[in-house]
Protein backbone atom coordinates (compact mmCIF):
# COMPACT_ATOMS: atom_id res chain seq x y z
CA UNK A 1 -12.47 -28.10 42.83
CA UNK A 2 -8.98 -29.54 42.23
CA UNK A 3 -10.18 -30.97 38.90
CA UNK A 4 -11.67 -27.64 37.83
CA UNK A 5 -8.46 -25.58 38.11
CA UNK A 6 -6.47 -27.58 35.50
CA UNK A 7 -9.46 -27.42 33.13
CA UNK A 8 -9.55 -23.63 33.48
CA UNK A 9 -5.84 -23.37 32.65
CA UNK A 10 -6.22 -25.66 29.64
CA UNK A 11 -9.17 -23.58 28.43
CA UNK A 12 -7.21 -20.33 28.80
CA UNK A 13 -4.25 -21.86 26.96
CA UNK A 14 -6.48 -22.94 24.04
CA UNK A 15 -8.10 -19.51 23.83
CA UNK A 16 -4.65 -17.84 23.82
CA UNK A 17 -3.44 -20.14 21.02
CA UNK A 18 -6.53 -19.44 18.92
CA UNK A 19 -6.13 -15.67 19.29
CA UNK A 20 -2.48 -15.48 18.25
CA UNK A 21 -1.82 -13.86 14.87
CA UNK A 22 -0.13 -16.06 12.34
CA UNK A 23 1.86 -14.40 9.54
CA UNK A 24 0.45 -14.73 6.04
CA UNK A 25 3.13 -16.59 4.11
CA UNK A 26 1.96 -15.49 0.65
CA UNK A 27 2.29 -11.73 0.89
CA UNK A 28 4.93 -9.12 1.34
CA UNK A 29 4.32 -6.85 4.27
CA UNK A 30 6.40 -4.24 5.95
CA UNK A 31 5.88 -3.45 9.56
CA UNK A 32 5.65 0.29 10.04
CA UNK A 33 8.39 0.34 12.66
CA UNK A 34 11.04 -1.92 11.17
CA UNK A 35 10.29 -2.06 7.42
CA UNK A 36 11.28 -5.70 7.69
CA UNK A 37 10.45 -7.57 4.51
CA UNK A 38 8.67 -10.89 4.72
CA UNK A 39 8.09 -13.31 1.82
CA UNK A 40 7.27 -11.84 -1.60
CA UNK A 41 4.22 -12.52 -3.73
CA UNK A 42 3.80 -11.45 -7.34
CA UNK A 43 0.40 -10.09 -8.37
CA UNK A 44 -0.77 -9.93 -11.95
CA UNK A 45 -1.28 -6.24 -12.64
CA UNK A 46 -4.42 -5.29 -14.53
CA UNK A 47 -3.34 -3.25 -17.56
CA UNK A 48 -5.48 -0.25 -18.26
CA UNK A 49 -5.46 1.27 -21.74
CA UNK A 50 -3.78 4.38 -20.30
CA UNK A 51 -1.10 2.25 -18.66
CA UNK A 52 -0.47 0.31 -21.86
CA UNK A 53 0.14 3.58 -23.70
CA UNK A 54 2.19 5.16 -20.96
CA UNK A 55 4.66 2.88 -19.17
CA UNK A 56 5.83 5.59 -16.72
CA UNK A 57 3.75 4.03 -13.91
CA UNK A 58 6.05 3.36 -10.97
CA UNK A 59 3.49 2.31 -8.36
CA UNK A 60 0.09 0.64 -8.56
CA UNK A 61 -2.13 1.54 -5.63
CA UNK A 62 -4.98 -0.92 -5.12
CA UNK A 63 -7.75 0.07 -2.73
CA UNK A 64 -10.00 -2.78 -1.63
CA UNK A 65 -13.11 -1.49 0.07
CA UNK A 66 -16.74 -0.60 -0.56
CA UNK A 67 -18.73 2.50 -1.40
CA UNK A 68 -20.96 1.61 1.58
CA UNK A 69 -18.13 1.61 4.16
CA UNK A 70 -17.44 4.92 5.96
CA UNK A 71 -13.60 4.62 6.16
CA UNK A 72 -13.60 3.45 2.53
CA UNK A 73 -15.58 6.52 1.46
CA UNK A 74 -13.06 8.66 3.36
CA UNK A 75 -10.34 7.19 1.11
CA UNK A 76 -12.07 8.34 -2.12
CA UNK A 77 -10.89 11.99 -1.95
CA UNK A 78 -7.43 10.78 -0.91
CA UNK A 79 -7.19 8.62 -4.03
CA UNK A 80 -8.38 11.48 -6.28
CA UNK A 81 -5.83 13.82 -4.71
CA UNK A 82 -3.00 11.29 -5.17
CA UNK A 83 -3.88 10.88 -8.85
CA UNK A 84 -3.83 14.66 -9.27
CA UNK A 85 -0.51 15.04 -7.41
CA UNK A 86 1.40 12.15 -8.99
CA UNK A 87 -0.28 11.85 -12.40
CA UNK A 88 1.02 9.04 -14.62
CA UNK A 89 3.53 7.83 -12.04
CA UNK A 90 0.75 6.05 -10.13
CA UNK A 91 -2.02 3.73 -11.25
CA UNK A 92 -4.93 3.76 -8.79
CA UNK A 93 -7.42 0.89 -8.82
CA UNK A 94 -10.50 0.61 -6.60
CA UNK A 95 -12.30 -2.69 -6.06
CA UNK A 96 -15.65 -2.69 -4.25
CA UNK A 97 -15.36 -6.10 -2.63
CA UNK A 98 -19.00 -6.03 -1.51
CA UNK A 99 -20.12 -6.08 -5.15
CA UNK A 100 -20.80 -9.56 -6.50
CA UNK A 101 -18.55 -9.17 -9.53
CA UNK A 102 -15.60 -7.88 -7.43
CA UNK A 103 -15.78 -10.12 -4.33
CA UNK A 104 -13.07 -12.36 -5.78
CA UNK A 105 -10.46 -9.63 -5.23
CA UNK A 106 -10.88 -9.94 -1.47
CA UNK A 107 -9.64 -13.53 -1.57
CA UNK A 108 -7.13 -12.89 -4.38
CA UNK A 109 -5.39 -10.22 -2.32
CA UNK A 110 -6.07 -12.06 0.98
CA UNK A 111 -7.55 -9.07 2.78
CA UNK A 112 -8.81 -9.33 6.34
CA UNK A 113 -10.75 -6.08 6.57
CA UNK A 114 -11.72 -3.05 4.54
CA UNK A 115 -10.40 -0.70 3.53
CA UNK A 116 -7.08 -2.31 2.65
CA UNK A 117 -4.50 -0.50 0.55
CA UNK A 118 -1.89 -2.47 -1.38
CA UNK A 119 1.03 -0.84 -3.17
CA UNK A 120 2.73 -2.78 -6.00
CA UNK A 121 5.92 -2.01 -7.90
CA UNK A 122 6.27 -2.01 -11.69
CA UNK A 123 6.65 -5.79 -11.78
CA UNK A 124 3.62 -6.45 -9.56
CA UNK A 125 5.52 -7.21 -6.34
CA UNK A 126 3.80 -6.05 -3.19
CA UNK A 127 5.74 -3.21 -1.57
CA UNK A 128 3.43 -2.26 1.25
CA UNK A 129 0.04 -3.12 2.71
CA UNK A 130 -2.11 -1.08 5.06
CA UNK A 131 -5.45 -1.85 6.69
CA UNK A 132 -7.96 0.84 7.64
CA UNK A 133 -8.02 4.52 6.73
CA UNK A 134 -4.61 5.63 5.45
CA UNK A 135 -3.94 9.39 5.81
CA UNK A 136 -2.81 11.13 2.64
CA UNK A 137 0.36 12.58 4.19
CA UNK A 138 1.48 9.06 5.20
CA UNK A 139 0.85 7.79 1.67
CA UNK A 140 2.82 10.76 0.30
CA UNK A 141 5.81 9.77 2.44
CA UNK A 142 5.58 6.18 1.22
CA UNK A 143 5.32 7.19 -2.45
CA UNK A 144 8.14 9.72 -2.27
CA UNK A 145 10.46 7.18 -0.62
CA UNK A 146 9.68 4.95 -3.61
CA UNK A 147 10.81 7.66 -6.06
CA UNK A 148 7.55 9.37 -7.02
CA UNK A 149 7.66 13.12 -7.37
CA UNK A 150 4.87 15.65 -7.26
CA UNK A 151 3.78 16.94 -10.67
CA UNK A 152 4.83 20.49 -9.79
CA UNK A 153 8.18 19.26 -8.44
CA UNK A 154 7.49 20.29 -4.82
CA UNK A 155 8.11 17.31 -2.50
CA UNK A 156 6.80 18.92 0.68
């Protein structure tokens, strides 16, 4: 019995160490409470023909998910609404990471779960990352803090 107790403690210690979250050193993330910036990573922005013509894009919003995932499908109307509200100020890109030809984006952007939303500035630096469903009103706050304005000028 005396030999079993130290083994139990060692086992619990190893489980605790394995479960601890380790920060990803290659991405910029902001915690929601402190907005504390970690290390920056530059992403190569895909240029769309519309973006090449119109360089007014201030934010690129990348949604990594799947059309077969319920929270990801819930994000589809949110993305359409954001495009309508902010127009050319935002470039919205959706990658279905369950599709064979788009799986590489999951590792490129180092996502852990879907849906994951990544917001990039004009130079491709990550500004913010969110995992799971992201309510539209929260995204509005984030975009307006970053200088985007509603097309009709009403920032409510």
